[in-house]
Amino acid sequence: QVQLVESGGGLVQAGGSLRLSCAASERTFTNYGRNVGWFRQAPGKEREFVASISWSGITTYYADSVKGRFTISSDNAKNIVYLQMDSLKPEDTAVYYCAVSRYLHTRDGALYNGWGLGTQVTVSS
């Protein structure tokens, strides 16, 4: 089954930083696309788009709520995509997921594959 693996979550105080990692096999990228997106889902809320990156790493796209605070990047040699999260706020608390798509910078989660189990990010005030 296609699945990416997220890691790096944890508990941090408001204003702090975390770096999330998203790892996938080459087969996953070959079969399902090389554009990677990060999403998050807070308790009682719908899943929302956070950021995406083309596999070349040349283009990135962010939700307005994280623009200027989060940075998405890729290490093609390791097949890993990172999400650097700075200036974290309590409203960033959620389970964060990554997935792959054949579509570049789409915010539609239905166009992504390979959802992992996610990694919990908790920001205390």
PDB file of N, CA and C in Angstrom:
ATOM      1  N   GLN A   1       0.845  -1.183   0.000  1.00  0.00           N
ATOM      2  CA  GLN A   1       0.000   0.000   0.000  1.00  0.00           C
ATOM      3  C   GLN A   1       0.884   1.238   0.000  1.00  0.00           C
ATOM      4  N   VAL A   2       0.498   2.185  -0.818  1.00  0.00           N
ATOM      5  CA  VAL A   2       1.254   3.429  -0.892  1.00  0.00           C
ATOM      6  C   VAL A   2       1.096   4.193   0.399  1.00  0.00           C
ATOM      7  N   GLN A   3       2.172   4.575   0.996  1.00  0.00           N
ATOM      8  CA  GLN A   3       2.069   5.339   2.212  1.00  0.00           C
ATOM      9  C   GLN A   3       3.342   6.122   2.464  1.00  0.00           C
ATOM     10  N   LEU A   4       3.151   7.370   2.832  1.00  0.00           N
ATOM     11  CA  LEU A   4       4.273   8.178   3.245  1.00  0.00           C
ATOM     12  C   LEU A   4       4.377   8.115   4.767  1.00  0.00           C
ATOM     13  N   VAL A   5       5.520   8.484   5.294  1.00  0.00           N
ATOM     14  CA  VAL A   5       5.749   8.424   6.732  1.00  0.00           C
ATOM     15  C   VAL A   5       6.132   9.807   7.220  1.00  0.00           C
ATOM     16  N   GLU A   6       5.298  10.333   8.108  1.00  0.00           N
ATOM     17  CA  GLU A   6       5.552  11.641   8.694  1.00  0.00           C
ATOM     18  C   GLU A   6       6.224  11.471  10.053  1.00  0.00           C
ATOM     19  N   SER A   7       7.084  12.419  10.405  1.00  0.00           N
ATOM     20  CA  SER A   7       7.724  12.400  11.714  1.00  0.00           C
ATOM     21  C   SER A   7       8.130  13.814  12.095  1.00  0.00           C
ATOM     22  N   GLY A   8       8.521  13.973  13.369  1.00  0.00           N
ATOM     23  CA  GLY A   8       9.030  15.257  13.817  1.00  0.00           C
ATOM     24  C   GLY A   8       8.083  16.081  14.661  1.00  0.00           C
ATOM     25  N   GLY A   9       6.876  15.600  14.853  1.00  0.00           N
ATOM     26  CA  GLY A   9       5.931  16.348  15.669  1.00  0.00           C
ATOM     27  C   GLY A   9       6.317  16.339  17.133  1.00  0.00           C
ATOM     28  N   GLY A  10       5.582  17.113  17.928  1.00  0.00           N
ATOM     29  CA  GLY A  10       5.839  17.167  19.352  1.00  0.00           C
ATOM     30  C   GLY A  10       5.101  18.297  20.006  1.00  0.00           C
ATOM     31  N   LEU A  11       5.480  18.552  21.248  1.00  0.00           N
ATOM     32  CA  LEU A  11       4.880  19.628  22.041  1.00  0.00           C
ATOM     33  C   LEU A  11       5.859  20.790  22.104  1.00  0.00           C
ATOM     34  N   VAL A  12       5.381  21.972  21.789  1.00  0.00           N
ATOM     35  CA  VAL A  12       6.242  23.149  21.786  1.00  0.00           C
ATOM     36  C   VAL A  12       5.441  24.343  22.289  1.00  0.00           C
ATOM     37  N   GLN A  13       6.129  25.295  22.873  1.00  0.00           N
ATOM     38  CA  GLN A  13       5.465  26.513  23.335  1.00  0.00           C
ATOM     39  C   GLN A  13       5.220  27.461  22.163  1.00  0.00           C
ATOM     40  N   ALA A  14       4.244  28.308  22.326  1.00  0.00           N
ATOM     41  CA  ALA A  14       3.968  29.315  21.302  1.00  0.00           C
ATOM     42  C   ALA A  14       5.234  30.126  21.029  1.00  0.00           C
ATOM     43  N   GLY A  15       5.476  30.375  19.753  1.00  0.00           N
ATOM     44  CA  GLY A  15       6.680  31.078  19.351  1.00  0.00           C
ATOM     45  C   GLY A  15       7.834  30.161  19.020  1.00  0.00           C
ATOM     46  N   GLY A  16       7.697  28.892  19.344  1.00  0.00           N
ATOM     47  CA  GLY A  16       8.749  27.931  19.089  1.00  0.00           C
ATOM     48  C   GLY A  16       8.731  27.389  17.677  1.00  0.00           C
ATOM     49  N   SER A  17       9.609  26.388  17.445  1.00  0.00           N
ATOM     50  CA  SER A  17       9.769  25.823  16.098  1.00  0.00           C
ATOM     51  C   SER A  17       9.782  24.306  16.143  1.00  0.00           C
ATOM     52  N   LEU A  18       9.387  23.711  15.050  1.00  0.00           N
ATOM     53  CA  LEU A  18       9.497  22.275  14.827  1.00  0.00           C
ATOM     54  C   LEU A  18       9.799  22.055  13.353  1.00  0.00           C
ATOM     55  N   ARG A  19      10.460  20.947  13.047  1.00  0.00           N
ATOM     56  CA  ARG A  19      10.658  20.565  11.657  1.00  0.00           C
ATOM     57  C   ARG A  19      10.080  19.175  11.439  1.00  0.00           C
ATOM     58  N   LEU A  20       9.117  19.114  10.572  1.00  0.00           N
ATOM     59  CA  LEU A  20       8.497  17.850  10.216  1.00  0.00           C
ATOM     60  C   LEU A  20       9.182  17.247   8.994  1.00  0.00           C
ATOM     61  N   SER A  21       9.196  15.926   8.938  1.00  0.00           N
ATOM     62  CA  SER A  21       9.759  15.212   7.794  1.00  0.00           C
ATOM     63  C   SER A  21       8.707  14.309   7.182  1.00  0.00           C
ATOM     64  N   CYS A  22       8.799  14.149   5.868  1.00  0.00           N
ATOM     65  CA  CYS A  22       7.889  13.285   5.120  1.00  0.00           C
ATOM     66  C   CYS A  22       8.744  12.412   4.218  1.00  0.00           C
ATOM     67  N   ALA A  23       8.747  11.117   4.457  1.00  0.00           N
ATOM     68  CA  ALA A  23       9.588  10.201   3.694  1.00  0.00           C
ATOM     69  C   ALA A  23       8.736   9.277   2.834  1.00  0.00           C
ATOM     70  N   ALA A  24       9.218   9.010   1.626  1.00  0.00           N
ATOM     71  CA  ALA A  24       8.505   8.110   0.722  1.00  0.00           C
ATOM     72  C   ALA A  24       9.497   7.351  -0.129  1.00  0.00           C
ATOM     73  N   SER A  25       9.048   6.231  -0.662  1.00  0.00           N
ATOM     74  CA  SER A  25       9.904   5.451  -1.548  1.00  0.00           C
ATOM     75  C   SER A  25       9.880   6.040  -2.955  1.00  0.00           C
ATOM     76  N   GLU A  26      10.889   5.689  -3.717  1.00  0.00           N
ATOM     77  CA  GLU A  26      10.937   6.148  -5.106  1.00  0.00           C
ATOM     78  C   GLU A  26       9.745   5.604  -5.877  1.00  0.00           C
ATOM     79  N   ARG A  27       9.325   4.388  -5.550  1.00  0.00           N
ATOM     80  CA  ARG A  27       8.176   3.789  -6.229  1.00  0.00           C
ATOM     81  C   ARG A  27       6.914   4.612  -5.998  1.00  0.00           C
ATOM     82  N   THR A  28       6.772   5.141  -4.805  1.00  0.00           N
ATOM     83  CA  THR A  28       5.607   5.976  -4.503  1.00  0.00           C
ATOM     84  C   THR A  28       5.586   7.210  -5.392  1.00  0.00           C
ATOM     85  N   PHE A  29       6.720   7.859  -5.499  1.00  0.00           N
ATOM     86  CA  PHE A  29       6.781   9.049  -6.339  1.00  0.00           C
ATOM     87  C   PHE A  29       6.557   8.702  -7.804  1.00  0.00           C
ATOM     88  N   THR A  30       7.101   7.594  -8.245  1.00  0.00           N
ATOM     89  CA  THR A  30       6.954   7.207  -9.641  1.00  0.00           C
ATOM     90  C   THR A  30       5.502   6.900  -9.977  1.00  0.00           C
ATOM     91  N   ASN A  31       4.822   6.197  -9.078  1.00  0.00           N
ATOM     92  CA  ASN A  31       3.465   5.744  -9.359  1.00  0.00           C
ATOM     93  C   ASN A  31       2.394   6.801  -9.108  1.00  0.00           C
ATOM     94  N   TYR A  32       2.631   7.711  -8.178  1.00  0.00           N
ATOM     95  CA  TYR A  32       1.547   8.591  -7.750  1.00  0.00           C
ATOM     96  C   TYR A  32       1.849  10.070  -7.882  1.00  0.00           C
ATOM     97  N   GLY A  33       3.005  10.389  -8.385  1.00  0.00           N
ATOM     98  CA  GLY A  33       3.301  11.797  -8.574  1.00  0.00           C
ATOM     99  C   GLY A  33       4.405  12.270  -7.668  1.00  0.00           C
ATOM    100  N   ARG A  34       5.003  13.381  -8.056  1.00  0.00           N
ATOM    101  CA  ARG A  34       6.166  13.868  -7.323  1.00  0.00           C
ATOM    102  C   ARG A  34       5.930  15.201  -6.640  1.00  0.00           C
ATOM    103  N   ASN A  35       4.730  15.681  -6.711  1.00  0.00           N
ATOM    104  CA  ASN A  35       4.428  16.926  -5.997  1.00  0.00           C
ATOM    105  C   ASN A  35       3.915  16.557  -4.605  1.00  0.00           C
ATOM    106  N   VAL A  36       4.490  17.157  -3.597  1.00  0.00           N
ATOM    107  CA  VAL A  36       4.192  16.775  -2.228  1.00  0.00           C
ATOM    108  C   VAL A  36       3.458  17.898  -1.510  1.00  0.00           C
ATOM    109  N   GLY A  37       2.443  17.513  -0.785  1.00  0.00           N
ATOM    110  CA  GLY A  37       1.691  18.488  -0.017  1.00  0.00           C
ATOM    111  C   GLY A  37       1.636  18.126   1.461  1.00  0.00           C
ATOM    112  N   TRP A  38       1.598  19.132   2.290  1.00  0.00           N
ATOM    113  CA  TRP A  38       1.360  18.962   3.725  1.00  0.00           C
ATOM    114  C   TRP A  38      -0.046  19.469   4.034  1.00  0.00           C
ATOM    115  N   PHE A  39      -0.745  18.712   4.849  1.00  0.00           N
ATOM    116  CA  PHE A  39      -2.079  19.065   5.302  1.00  0.00           C
ATOM    117  C   PHE A  39      -2.105  18.923   6.820  1.00  0.00           C
ATOM    118  N   ARG A  40      -3.137  19.457   7.438  1.00  0.00           N
ATOM    119  CA  ARG A  40      -3.298  19.272   8.874  1.00  0.00           C
ATOM    120  C   ARG A  40      -4.778  19.168   9.208  1.00  0.00           C
ATOM    121  N   GLN A  41      -5.029  18.505  10.331  1.00  0.00           N
ATOM    122  CA  GLN A  41      -6.400  18.363  10.796  1.00  0.00           C
ATOM    123  C   GLN A  41      -6.428  18.530  12.303  1.00  0.00           C
ATOM    124  N   ALA A  42      -7.139  19.540  12.745  1.00  0.00           N
ATOM    125  CA  ALA A  42      -7.307  19.785  14.175  1.00  0.00           C
ATOM    126  C   ALA A  42      -8.574  19.072  14.653  1.00  0.00           C
ATOM    127  N   PRO A  43      -8.660  18.786  15.939  1.00  0.00           N
ATOM    128  CA  PRO A  43      -9.840  18.100  16.470  1.00  0.00           C
ATOM    129  C   PRO A  43     -11.131  18.842  16.136  1.00  0.00           C
ATOM    130  N   GLY A  44     -12.077  18.119  15.577  1.00  0.00           N
ATOM    131  CA  GLY A  44     -13.368  18.704  15.253  1.00  0.00           C
ATOM    132  C   GLY A  44     -13.378  19.564  14.006  1.00  0.00           C
ATOM    133  N   LYS A  45     -12.264  19.617  13.306  1.00  0.00           N
ATOM    134  CA  LYS A  45     -12.200  20.444  12.104  1.00  0.00           C
ATOM    135  C   LYS A  45     -11.869  19.593  10.891  1.00  0.00           C
ATOM    136  N   GLU A  46     -12.147  20.148   9.723  1.00  0.00           N
ATOM    137  CA  GLU A  46     -11.824  19.450   8.499  1.00  0.00           C
ATOM    138  C   GLU A  46     -10.324  19.554   8.201  1.00  0.00           C
ATOM    139  N   ARG A  47      -9.844  18.601   7.434  1.00  0.00           N
ATOM    140  CA  ARG A  47      -8.461  18.643   6.997  1.00  0.00           C
ATOM    141  C   ARG A  47      -8.242  19.875   6.129  1.00  0.00           C
ATOM    142  N   GLU A  48      -7.121  20.544   6.319  1.00  0.00           N
ATOM    143  CA  GLU A  48      -6.843  21.734   5.534  1.00  0.00           C
ATOM    144  C   GLU A  48      -5.446  21.695   4.938  1.00  0.00           C
ATOM    145  N   PHE A  49      -5.324  22.294   3.784  1.00  0.00           N
ATOM    146  CA  PHE A  49      -4.048  22.384   3.077  1.00  0.00           C
ATOM    147  C   PHE A  49      -3.120  23.333   3.840  1.00  0.00           C
ATOM    148  N   VAL A  50      -1.841  22.958   3.881  1.00  0.00           N
ATOM    149  CA  VAL A  50      -0.838  23.795   4.550  1.00  0.00           C
ATOM    150  C   VAL A  50       0.184  24.325   3.542  1.00  0.00           C
ATOM    151  N   ALA A  51       0.811  23.419   2.799  1.00  0.00           N
ATOM    152  CA  ALA A  51       1.864  23.832   1.869  1.00  0.00           C
ATOM    153  C   ALA A  51       2.119  22.717   0.874  1.00  0.00           C
ATOM    154  N   SER A  52       2.710  23.084  -0.260  1.00  0.00           N
ATOM    155  CA  SER A  52       3.085  22.080  -1.258  1.00  0.00           C
ATOM    156  C   SER A  52       4.366  22.498  -1.945  1.00  0.00           C
ATOM    157  N   ILE A  53       5.010  21.504  -2.561  1.00  0.00           N
ATOM    158  CA  ILE A  53       6.272  21.756  -3.247  1.00  0.00           C
ATOM    159  C   ILE A  53       6.356  20.874  -4.467  1.00  0.00           C
ATOM    160  N   SER A  54       6.893  21.434  -5.546  1.00  0.00           N
ATOM    161  CA  SER A  54       7.190  20.615  -6.703  1.00  0.00           C
ATOM    162  C   SER A  54       8.434  19.802  -6.372  1.00  0.00           C
ATOM    163  N   TRP A  55       8.548  18.594  -6.958  1.00  0.00           N
ATOM    164  CA  TRP A  55       9.692  17.776  -6.570  1.00  0.00           C
ATOM    165  C   TRP A  55      11.017  18.423  -6.926  1.00  0.00           C
ATOM    166  N   SER A  56      11.018  19.234  -7.936  1.00  0.00           N
ATOM    167  CA  SER A  56      12.245  19.944  -8.281  1.00  0.00           C
ATOM    168  C   SER A  56      12.639  20.901  -7.171  1.00  0.00           C
ATOM    169  N   GLY A  57      11.652  21.224  -6.329  1.00  0.00           N
ATOM    170  CA  GLY A  57      11.913  22.166  -5.251  1.00  0.00           C
ATOM    171  C   GLY A  57      11.890  23.615  -5.699  1.00  0.00           C
ATOM    172  N   ILE A  58      11.625  23.820  -6.979  1.00  0.00           N
ATOM    173  CA  ILE A  58      11.704  25.179  -7.511  1.00  0.00           C
ATOM    174  C   ILE A  58      10.507  26.028  -7.086  1.00  0.00           C
ATOM    175  N   THR A  59       9.346  25.386  -7.046  1.00  0.00           N
ATOM    176  CA  THR A  59       8.145  26.157  -6.692  1.00  0.00           C
ATOM    177  C   THR A  59       7.506  25.620  -5.429  1.00  0.00           C
ATOM    178  N   THR A  60       7.001  26.537  -4.637  1.00  0.00           N
ATOM    179  CA  THR A  60       6.306  26.202  -3.398  1.00  0.00           C
ATOM    180  C   THR A  60       5.029  27.022  -3.306  1.00  0.00           C
ATOM    181  N   TYR A  61       4.132  26.570  -2.453  1.00  0.00           N
ATOM    182  CA  TYR A  61       2.837  27.240  -2.321  1.00  0.00           C
ATOM    183  C   TYR A  61       2.377  27.057  -0.885  1.00  0.00           C
ATOM    184  N   TYR A  62       1.819  28.122  -0.289  1.00  0.00           N
ATOM    185  CA  TYR A  62       1.449  28.078   1.115  1.00  0.00           C
ATOM    186  C   TYR A  62       0.026  28.572   1.338  1.00  0.00           C
ATOM    187  N   ALA A  63      -0.595  28.020   2.344  1.00  0.00           N
ATOM    188  CA  ALA A  63      -1.854  28.577   2.810  1.00  0.00           C
ATOM    189  C   ALA A  63      -1.560  29.927   3.456  1.00  0.00           C
ATOM    190  N   ASP A  64      -2.503  30.844   3.362  1.00  0.00           N
ATOM    191  CA  ASP A  64      -2.295  32.180   3.925  1.00  0.00           C
ATOM    192  C   ASP A  64      -2.002  32.126   5.418  1.00  0.00           C
ATOM    193  N   SER A  65      -2.580  31.145   6.091  1.00  0.00           N
ATOM    194  CA  SER A  65      -2.444  31.064   7.548  1.00  0.00           C
ATOM    195  C   SER A  65      -1.026  30.733   8.005  1.00  0.00           C
ATOM    196  N   VAL A  66      -0.206  30.192   7.112  1.00  0.00           N
ATOM    197  CA  VAL A  66       1.156  29.809   7.501  1.00  0.00           C
ATOM    198  C   VAL A  66       2.229  30.555   6.715  1.00  0.00           C
ATOM    199  N   LYS A  67       1.824  31.328   5.745  1.00  0.00           N
ATOM    200  CA  LYS A  67       2.777  32.031   4.894  1.00  0.00           C
ATOM    201  C   LYS A  67       3.663  32.944   5.741  1.00  0.00           C
ATOM    202  N   GLY A  68       4.960  32.853   5.517  1.00  0.00           N
ATOM    203  CA  GLY A  68       5.905  33.671   6.270  1.00  0.00           C
ATOM    204  C   GLY A  68       6.389  33.007   7.552  1.00  0.00           C
ATOM    205  N   ARG A  69       5.717  31.939   7.967  1.00  0.00           N
ATOM    206  CA  ARG A  69       6.122  31.228   9.186  1.00  0.00           C
ATOM    207  C   ARG A  69       6.609  29.817   8.892  1.00  0.00           C
ATOM    208  N   PHE A  70       6.028  29.169   7.905  1.00  0.00           N
ATOM    209  CA  PHE A  70       6.393  27.799   7.540  1.00  0.00           C
ATOM    210  C   PHE A  70       7.185  27.813   6.236  1.00  0.00           C
ATOM    211  N   THR A  71       8.114  26.858   6.129  1.00  0.00           N
ATOM    212  CA  THR A  71       8.901  26.713   4.910  1.00  0.00           C
ATOM    213  C   THR A  71       8.937  25.248   4.516  1.00  0.00           C
ATOM    214  N   ILE A  72       8.545  24.953   3.289  1.00  0.00           N
ATOM    215  CA  ILE A  72       8.589  23.590   2.777  1.00  0.00           C
ATOM    216  C   ILE A  72       9.820  23.451   1.880  1.00  0.00           C
ATOM    217  N   SER A  73      10.502  22.316   2.013  1.00  0.00           N
ATOM    218  CA  SER A  73      11.701  22.091   1.215  1.00  0.00           C
ATOM    219  C   SER A  73      11.833  20.597   0.943  1.00  0.00           C
ATOM    220  N   SER A  74      12.725  20.254   0.031  1.00  0.00           N
ATOM    221  CA  SER A  74      12.884  18.842  -0.317  1.00  0.00           C
ATOM    222  C   SER A  74      14.349  18.453  -0.413  1.00  0.00           C
ATOM    223  N   ASP A  75      14.630  17.208  -0.102  1.00  0.00           N
ATOM    224  CA  ASP A  75      15.951  16.607  -0.280  1.00  0.00           C
ATOM    225  C   ASP A  75      15.737  15.426  -1.216  1.00  0.00           C
ATOM    226  N   ASN A  76      15.947  15.657  -2.489  1.00  0.00           N
ATOM    227  CA  ASN A  76      15.646  14.631  -3.485  1.00  0.00           C
ATOM    228  C   ASN A  76      16.511  13.380  -3.317  1.00  0.00           C
ATOM    229  N   ALA A  77      17.720  13.550  -2.877  1.00  0.00           N
ATOM    230  CA  ALA A  77      18.618  12.405  -2.714  1.00  0.00           C
ATOM    231  C   ALA A  77      18.091  11.433  -1.663  1.00  0.00           C
ATOM    232  N   LYS A  78      17.388  11.973  -0.684  1.00  0.00           N
ATOM    233  CA  LYS A  78      16.859  11.143   0.400  1.00  0.00           C
ATOM    234  C   LYS A  78      15.366  10.861   0.253  1.00  0.00           C
ATOM    235  N   ASN A  79      14.732  11.425  -0.772  1.00  0.00           N
ATOM    236  CA  ASN A  79      13.285  11.295  -0.944  1.00  0.00           C
ATOM    237  C   ASN A  79      12.533  11.763   0.316  1.00  0.00           C
ATOM    238  N   ILE A  80      12.938  12.895   0.823  1.00  0.00           N
ATOM    239  CA  ILE A  80      12.316  13.456   2.015  1.00  0.00           C
ATOM    240  C   ILE A  80      11.889  14.891   1.741  1.00  0.00           C
ATOM    241  N   VAL A  81      10.725  15.244   2.234  1.00  0.00           N
ATOM    242  CA  VAL A  81      10.236  16.624   2.179  1.00  0.00           C
ATOM    243  C   VAL A  81      10.087  17.114   3.614  1.00  0.00           C
ATOM    244  N   TYR A  82      10.537  18.325   3.846  1.00  0.00           N
ATOM    245  CA  TYR A  82      10.500  18.898   5.197  1.00  0.00           C
ATOM    246  C   TYR A  82       9.477  20.028   5.274  1.00  0.00           C
ATOM    247  N   LEU A  83       8.980  20.225   6.465  1.00  0.00           N
ATOM    248  CA  LEU A  83       8.150  21.395   6.746  1.00  0.00           C
ATOM    249  C   LEU A  83       8.728  22.054   7.997  1.00  0.00           C
ATOM    250  N   GLN A  84       9.444  23.148   7.796  1.00  0.00           N
ATOM    251  CA  GLN A  84       9.998  23.911   8.900  1.00  0.00           C
ATOM    252  C   GLN A  84       8.922  24.858   9.400  1.00  0.00           C
ATOM    253  N   MET A  85       8.590  24.742  10.662  1.00  0.00           N
ATOM    254  CA  MET A  85       7.506  25.550  11.234  1.00  0.00           C
ATOM    255  C   MET A  85       8.085  26.448  12.308  1.00  0.00           C
ATOM    256  N   ASP A  86       8.049  27.727  12.075  1.00  0.00           N
ATOM    257  CA  ASP A  86       8.553  28.721  13.022  1.00  0.00           C
ATOM    258  C   ASP A  86       7.412  29.595  13.523  1.00  0.00           C
ATOM    259  N   SER A  87       7.677  30.306  14.598  1.00  0.00           N
ATOM    260  CA  SER A  87       6.671  31.206  15.183  1.00  0.00           C
ATOM    261  C   SER A  87       5.339  30.489  15.358  1.00  0.00           C
ATOM    262  N   LEU A  88       5.390  29.314  15.913  1.00  0.00           N
ATOM    263  CA  LEU A  88       4.187  28.505  16.045  1.00  0.00           C
ATOM    264  C   LEU A  88       3.171  29.145  16.980  1.00  0.00           C
ATOM    265  N   LYS A  89       1.907  28.929  16.649  1.00  0.00           N
ATOM    266  CA  LYS A  89       0.795  29.469  17.412  1.00  0.00           C
ATOM    267  C   LYS A  89      -0.079  28.312  17.914  1.00  0.00           C
ATOM    268  N   PRO A  90      -0.814  28.535  18.973  1.00  0.00           N
ATOM    269  CA  PRO A  90      -1.707  27.465  19.458  1.00  0.00           C
ATOM    270  C   PRO A  90      -2.664  26.965  18.382  1.00  0.00           C
ATOM    271  N   GLU A  91      -3.072  27.827  17.469  1.00  0.00           N
ATOM    272  CA  GLU A  91      -3.989  27.410  16.409  1.00  0.00           C
ATOM    273  C   GLU A  91      -3.317  26.526  15.368  1.00  0.00           C
ATOM    274  N   ASP A  92      -2.007  26.342  15.459  1.00  0.00           N
ATOM    275  CA  ASP A  92      -1.314  25.396  14.581  1.00  0.00           C
ATOM    276  C   ASP A  92      -1.413  23.962  15.106  1.00  0.00           C
ATOM    277  N   THR A  93      -1.954  23.803  16.284  1.00  0.00           N
ATOM    278  CA  THR A  93      -2.100  22.466  16.865  1.00  0.00           C
ATOM    279  C   THR A  93      -2.989  21.599  15.990  1.00  0.00           C
ATOM    280  N   ALA A  94      -2.458  20.450  15.592  1.00  0.00           N
ATOM    281  CA  ALA A  94      -3.179  19.550  14.679  1.00  0.00           C
ATOM    282  C   ALA A  94      -2.324  18.316  14.434  1.00  0.00           C
ATOM    283  N   VAL A  95      -2.924  17.335  13.780  1.00  0.00           N
ATOM    284  CA  VAL A  95      -2.156  16.229  13.229  1.00  0.00           C
ATOM    285  C   VAL A  95      -1.770  16.640  11.808  1.00  0.00           C
ATOM    286  N   TYR A  96      -0.493  16.529  11.507  1.00  0.00           N
ATOM    287  CA  TYR A  96       0.011  16.943  10.210  1.00  0.00           C
ATOM    288  C   TYR A  96       0.277  15.713   9.344  1.00  0.00           C
ATOM    289  N   TYR A  97      -0.176  15.785   8.090  1.00  0.00           N
ATOM    290  CA  TYR A  97      -0.039  14.690   7.143  1.00  0.00           C
ATOM    291  C   TYR A  97       0.648  15.182   5.878  1.00  0.00           C
ATOM    292  N   CYS A  98       1.345  14.268   5.200  1.00  0.00           N
ATOM    293  CA  CYS A  98       1.846  14.586   3.876  1.00  0.00           C
ATOM    294  C   CYS A  98       1.295  13.557   2.887  1.00  0.00           C
ATOM    295  N   ALA A  99       1.292  13.938   1.642  1.00  0.00           N
ATOM    296  CA  ALA A  99       0.790  13.070   0.583  1.00  0.00           C
ATOM    297  C   ALA A  99       1.370  13.546  -0.742  1.00  0.00           C
ATOM    298  N   VAL A 100       1.227  12.718  -1.793  1.00  0.00           N
ATOM    299  CA  VAL A 100       1.787  13.060  -3.103  1.00  0.00           C
ATOM    300  C   VAL A 100       0.676  13.207  -4.139  1.00  0.00           C
ATOM    301  N   SER A 101       0.955  13.984  -5.145  1.00  0.00           N
ATOM    302  CA  SER A 101      -0.032  14.234  -6.186  1.00  0.00           C
ATOM    303  C   SER A 101       0.663  14.398  -7.533  1.00  0.00           C
ATOM    304  N   ARG A 102      -0.081  14.089  -8.595  1.00  0.00           N
ATOM    305  CA  ARG A 102       0.403  14.379  -9.943  1.00  0.00           C
ATOM    306  C   ARG A 102       0.143  15.837 -10.298  1.00  0.00           C
ATOM    307  N   TYR A 103      -0.669  16.503  -9.503  1.00  0.00           N
ATOM    308  CA  TYR A 103      -1.045  17.887  -9.769  1.00  0.00           C
ATOM    309  C   TYR A 103      -0.181  18.823  -8.949  1.00  0.00           C
ATOM    310  N   LEU A 104       0.238  19.870  -9.567  1.00  0.00           N
ATOM    311  CA  LEU A 104       1.123  20.817  -8.913  1.00  0.00           C
ATOM    312  C   LEU A 104       0.327  21.825  -8.104  1.00  0.00           C
ATOM    313  N   HIS A 105       0.658  21.903  -6.811  1.00  0.00           N
ATOM    314  CA  HIS A 105       0.106  22.911  -5.917  1.00  0.00           C
ATOM    315  C   HIS A 105      -1.419  22.892  -5.823  1.00  0.00           C
ATOM    316  N   THR A 106      -1.995  21.701  -5.890  1.00  0.00           N
ATOM    317  CA  THR A 106      -3.421  21.628  -5.661  1.00  0.00           C
ATOM    318  C   THR A 106      -3.730  21.593  -4.174  1.00  0.00           C
ATOM    319  N   ARG A 107      -4.791  22.273  -3.755  1.00  0.00           N
ATOM    320  CA  ARG A 107      -5.200  22.300  -2.358  1.00  0.00           C
ATOM    321  C   ARG A 107      -6.232  21.211  -2.077  1.00  0.00           C
ATOM    322  N   ASP A 108      -6.623  20.491  -3.099  1.00  0.00           N
ATOM    323  CA  ASP A 108      -7.661  19.477  -2.986  1.00  0.00           C
ATOM    324  C   ASP A 108      -7.075  18.164  -2.506  1.00  0.00           C
ATOM    325  N   GLY A 109      -7.372  17.797  -1.285  1.00  0.00           N
ATOM    326  CA  GLY A 109      -6.836  16.572  -0.719  1.00  0.00           C
ATOM    327  C   GLY A 109      -7.239  15.321  -1.483  1.00  0.00           C
ATOM    328  N   ALA A 110      -8.357  15.375  -2.184  1.00  0.00           N
ATOM    329  CA  ALA A 110      -8.812  14.220  -2.965  1.00  0.00           C
ATOM    330  C   ALA A 110      -7.888  13.901  -4.124  1.00  0.00           C
ATOM    331  N   LEU A 111      -7.036  14.833  -4.489  1.00  0.00           N
ATOM    332  CA  LEU A 111      -6.102  14.619  -5.607  1.00  0.00           C
ATOM    333  C   LEU A 111      -4.735  14.158  -5.123  1.00  0.00           C
ATOM    334  N   TYR A 112      -4.640  13.820  -3.852  1.00  0.00           N
ATOM    335  CA  TYR A 112      -3.401  13.314  -3.272  1.00  0.00           C
ATOM    336  C   TYR A 112      -3.544  11.843  -2.907  1.00  0.00           C
ATOM    337  N   ASN A 113      -2.408  11.158  -2.890  1.00  0.00           N
ATOM    338  CA  ASN A 113      -2.351   9.757  -2.497  1.00  0.00           C
ATOM    339  C   ASN A 113      -1.264   9.548  -1.456  1.00  0.00           C
ATOM    340  N   GLY A 114      -1.315   8.387  -0.833  1.00  0.00           N
ATOM    341  CA  GLY A 114      -0.231   7.981   0.049  1.00  0.00           C
ATOM    342  C   GLY A 114      -0.278   8.580   1.438  1.00  0.00           C
ATOM    343  N   TRP A 115      -1.465   8.878   1.898  1.00  0.00           N
ATOM    344  CA  TRP A 115      -1.587   9.472   3.229  1.00  0.00           C
ATOM    345  C   TRP A 115      -1.001   8.541   4.295  1.00  0.00           C
ATOM    346  N   GLY A 116      -0.156   9.130   5.133  1.00  0.00           N
ATOM    347  CA  GLY A 116       0.406   8.364   6.236  1.00  0.00           C
ATOM    348  C   GLY A 116      -0.450   8.490   7.482  1.00  0.00           C
ATOM    349  N   LEU A 117       0.113   8.087   8.607  1.00  0.00           N
ATOM    350  CA  LEU A 117      -0.608   8.144   9.869  1.00  0.00           C
ATOM    351  C   LEU A 117      -0.566   9.523  10.502  1.00  0.00           C
ATOM    352  N   GLY A 118       0.306  10.377  10.013  1.00  0.00           N
ATOM    353  CA  GLY A 118       0.399  11.721  10.530  1.00  0.00           C
ATOM    354  C   GLY A 118       1.311  11.835  11.735  1.00  0.00           C
ATOM    355  N   THR A 119       1.612  13.079  12.090  1.00  0.00           N
ATOM    356  CA  THR A 119       2.422  13.358  13.267  1.00  0.00           C
ATOM    357  C   THR A 119       1.752  14.509  14.031  1.00  0.00           C
ATOM    358  N   GLN A 120       1.645  14.338  15.334  1.00  0.00           N
ATOM    359  CA  GLN A 120       0.921  15.304  16.157  1.00  0.00           C
ATOM    360  C   GLN A 120       1.810  16.498  16.487  1.00  0.00           C
ATOM    361  N   VAL A 121       1.263  17.682  16.273  1.00  0.00           N
ATOM    362  CA  VAL A 121       1.921  18.923  16.669  1.00  0.00           C
ATOM    363  C   VAL A 121       1.007  19.622  17.669  1.00  0.00           C
ATOM    364  N   THR A 122       1.549  19.904  18.845  1.00  0.00           N
ATOM    365  CA  THR A 122       0.778  20.587  19.879  1.00  0.00           C
ATOM    366  C   THR A 122       1.538  21.829  20.304  1.00  0.00           C
ATOM    367  N   VAL A 123       0.874  22.971  20.210  1.00  0.00           N
ATOM    368  CA  VAL A 123       1.489  24.237  20.569  1.00  0.00           C
ATOM    369  C   VAL A 123       0.760  24.795  21.789  1.00  0.00           C
ATOM    370  N   SER A 124       1.494  24.948  22.870  1.00  0.00           N
ATOM    371  CA  SER A 124       0.889  25.451  24.105  1.00  0.00           C
ATOM    372  C   SER A 124       1.034  26.963  24.183  1.00  0.00           C
ATOM    373  N   SER A 125       0.074  27.582  24.826  1.00  0.00           N
ATOM    374  CA  SER A 125       0.093  29.057  24.929  1.00  0.00           C
ATOM    375  C   SER A 125       0.830  29.517  26.167  1.00  0.00           C
TER     376      SER A 125
END
